[in-house]
Amino acid sequence: MVAAGDAGKVGVADKLGIEPGLVVQEIGWDEDVDDDVRAAIEEKIGSDLLDEEAQEVVDVVLLWWREDDGDLADTILDVRGPLADSGVIWVLTPKTGRDGHVEPSEIAEAVSTAGMAQTSNISVGEDWMGSRLVSPKSANTRR
């Protein structure tokens, strides 16, 4: 039985397209990340999130990103390396008005520079937004 407070957590994994058995790597973890989002994803995939040091091919990258974290385009290029052909990168940024907020135009520019396609934006928890990135060939085959 799911407790009333757990309903939203399970929903966020679904909103992110997370399915049981997927390999999910987490980049950019810090004290400010949403632990409920992390827990919901781990529950859905049935295992722990891989850390930044992992060398496996991954289905999903969760990239927690803040304004002062550096060059987003370079980081997207770096995290693309272990991504499966049909893999997805979720760039998770603080919502407007929160510390570390990243302007949508900055994300769009970095995505373009990195040769990715941004397919959607969603609310991920109380303080975070998610931008879904795929390789352009994946974007074209998905209708």
Protein backbone atom coordinates (compact mmCIF):
# COMPACT_ATOMS: atom_id res chain seq x y z
CA MET A 1 0.00 0.00 0.00
CA VAL A 2 1.34 3.42 -0.96
CA ALA A 3 1.17 6.06 1.74
CA ALA A 4 -0.54 9.31 0.74
CA GLY A 5 2.76 11.20 0.89
CA ASP A 6 4.40 8.73 -1.51
CA ALA A 7 1.99 9.28 -4.39
CA GLY A 8 3.80 12.37 -5.70
CA LYS A 9 7.22 10.75 -5.45
CA VAL A 10 6.21 7.80 -7.58
CA GLY A 11 4.67 10.19 -10.08
CA VAL A 12 7.92 12.09 -10.63
CA ALA A 13 9.73 8.95 -11.78
CA ASP A 14 6.90 8.36 -14.26
CA LYS A 15 7.07 11.99 -15.45
CA LEU A 16 10.79 11.48 -16.10
CA GLY A 17 10.08 8.34 -18.13
CA ILE A 18 11.91 6.14 -15.61
CA GLU A 19 11.06 2.47 -15.89
CA PRO A 20 12.08 -0.60 -13.86
CA GLY A 21 15.50 -1.90 -14.82
CA LEU A 22 16.82 1.28 -16.43
CA VAL A 23 20.40 2.26 -15.59
CA VAL A 24 20.38 5.83 -14.20
CA GLN A 25 23.50 7.88 -13.50
CA GLU A 26 23.43 10.95 -11.27
CA ILE A 27 25.80 13.87 -11.92
CA GLY A 28 26.09 17.04 -9.84
CA TRP A 29 24.73 15.74 -6.54
CA ASP A 30 25.00 18.24 -3.69
CA GLU A 31 23.21 18.98 -0.41
CA ASP A 32 20.47 20.92 -2.25
CA VAL A 33 19.16 18.11 -4.49
CA ASP A 34 15.64 16.77 -4.01
CA ASP A 35 16.04 13.51 -2.10
CA ASP A 36 12.39 12.60 -2.72
CA VAL A 37 13.05 12.65 -6.48
CA ARG A 38 16.14 10.49 -6.02
CA ALA A 39 14.26 8.01 -3.81
CA ALA A 40 11.37 7.75 -6.27
CA ILE A 41 13.75 6.97 -9.14
CA GLU A 42 15.71 4.39 -7.12
CA GLU A 43 12.43 2.75 -6.09
CA LYS A 44 11.22 2.64 -9.70
CA ILE A 45 14.47 1.21 -11.17
CA GLY A 46 14.96 -1.20 -8.28
CA SER A 47 18.57 -0.19 -7.64
CA ASP A 48 20.81 2.69 -6.60
CA LEU A 49 21.67 5.57 -8.89
CA LEU A 50 25.15 5.31 -10.39
CA ASP A 51 27.55 8.06 -9.33
CA GLU A 52 29.74 10.29 -11.48
CA GLU A 53 32.58 7.72 -11.49
CA ALA A 54 30.52 4.92 -13.06
CA GLN A 55 31.76 3.54 -16.39
CA GLU A 56 28.66 1.62 -17.52
CA VAL A 57 26.43 2.47 -20.48
CA VAL A 58 23.44 4.31 -19.01
CA ASP A 59 19.84 4.84 -20.12
CA VAL A 60 19.27 8.09 -18.22
CA VAL A 61 21.55 10.79 -16.84
CA LEU A 62 20.22 13.03 -14.08
CA LEU A 63 22.29 16.19 -14.26
CA TRP A 64 21.69 18.48 -11.26
CA TRP A 65 22.84 21.88 -12.54
CA ARG A 66 23.11 25.31 -10.94
CA GLU A 67 24.05 28.72 -12.33
CA ASP A 68 27.61 28.64 -10.94
CA ASP A 69 28.43 25.04 -11.91
CA GLY A 70 30.55 25.97 -14.95
CA ASP A 71 30.00 25.41 -18.68
CA LEU A 72 26.78 23.48 -19.24
CA ALA A 73 27.54 22.66 -22.89
CA ASP A 74 30.89 21.08 -21.94
CA THR A 75 29.22 19.08 -19.18
CA ILE A 76 26.47 17.85 -21.51
CA LEU A 77 29.14 16.68 -23.96
CA ASP A 78 30.94 14.88 -21.12
CA VAL A 79 27.85 13.09 -19.77
CA ARG A 80 26.75 12.07 -23.26
CA GLY A 81 29.69 9.69 -23.52
CA PRO A 82 28.25 6.73 -21.59
CA LEU A 83 24.67 7.37 -22.76
CA ALA A 84 22.92 4.59 -24.69
CA ASP A 85 21.84 5.48 -28.25
CA SER A 86 18.25 5.98 -27.11
CA GLY A 87 19.31 7.50 -23.79
CA VAL A 88 18.00 10.66 -22.19
CA ILE A 89 19.70 13.42 -20.21
CA TRP A 90 17.55 15.29 -17.69
CA VAL A 91 19.10 18.66 -16.82
CA LEU A 92 17.63 19.49 -13.41
CA THR A 93 17.89 23.17 -12.47
CA PRO A 94 16.51 25.24 -9.59
CA LYS A 95 13.18 26.90 -10.38
CA THR A 96 12.92 30.64 -11.00
CA GLY A 97 13.61 32.61 -7.82
CA ARG A 98 15.62 29.79 -6.20
CA ASP A 99 19.37 29.97 -5.54
CA GLY A 100 21.29 28.76 -8.58
CA HIS A 101 18.42 29.30 -11.09
CA VAL A 102 19.55 28.90 -14.71
CA GLU A 103 17.81 30.91 -17.42
CA PRO A 104 16.01 28.77 -20.03
CA SER A 105 17.90 30.61 -22.79
CA GLU A 106 21.21 29.47 -21.27
CA ILE A 107 20.01 25.87 -21.26
CA ALA A 108 18.78 26.13 -24.86
CA GLU A 109 22.11 27.57 -26.01
CA ALA A 110 24.12 24.87 -24.22
CA VAL A 111 21.90 22.13 -25.64
CA SER A 112 22.38 23.46 -29.16
CA THR A 113 26.15 23.83 -28.71
CA ALA A 114 26.36 20.25 -27.41
CA GLY A 115 24.45 18.91 -30.42
CA MET A 116 21.47 17.68 -28.42
CA ALA A 117 17.74 18.31 -28.80
CA GLN A 118 15.55 19.63 -25.97
CA THR A 119 12.18 17.89 -26.11
CA SER A 120 10.32 18.99 -22.97
CA ASN A 121 10.44 20.84 -19.66
CA ILE A 122 8.67 19.66 -16.53
CA SER A 123 8.41 20.52 -12.86
CA VAL A 124 10.43 18.05 -10.79
CA GLY A 125 9.55 18.53 -7.16
CA GLU A 126 9.06 21.77 -5.27
CA ASP A 127 12.38 23.46 -6.15
CA TRP A 128 13.57 21.90 -9.43
CA MET A 129 12.73 22.00 -13.15
CA GLY A 130 13.74 19.31 -15.61
CA SER A 131 14.75 19.75 -19.25
CA ARG A 132 14.72 16.53 -21.29
CA LEU A 133 17.55 16.17 -23.79
CA VAL A 134 18.00 13.51 -26.46
CA SER A 135 20.39 13.07 -29.35
CA PRO A 136 18.90 14.63 -32.49
CA LYS A 137 18.44 11.25 -34.19
CA SER A 138 16.30 10.08 -31.25
CA ALA A 139 14.21 13.24 -31.44
CA ASN A 140 13.49 12.62 -35.12
CA THR A 141 12.33 9.03 -34.65
CA ARG A 142 10.04 9.89 -31.73
CA ARG A 143 6.70 11.30 -32.82
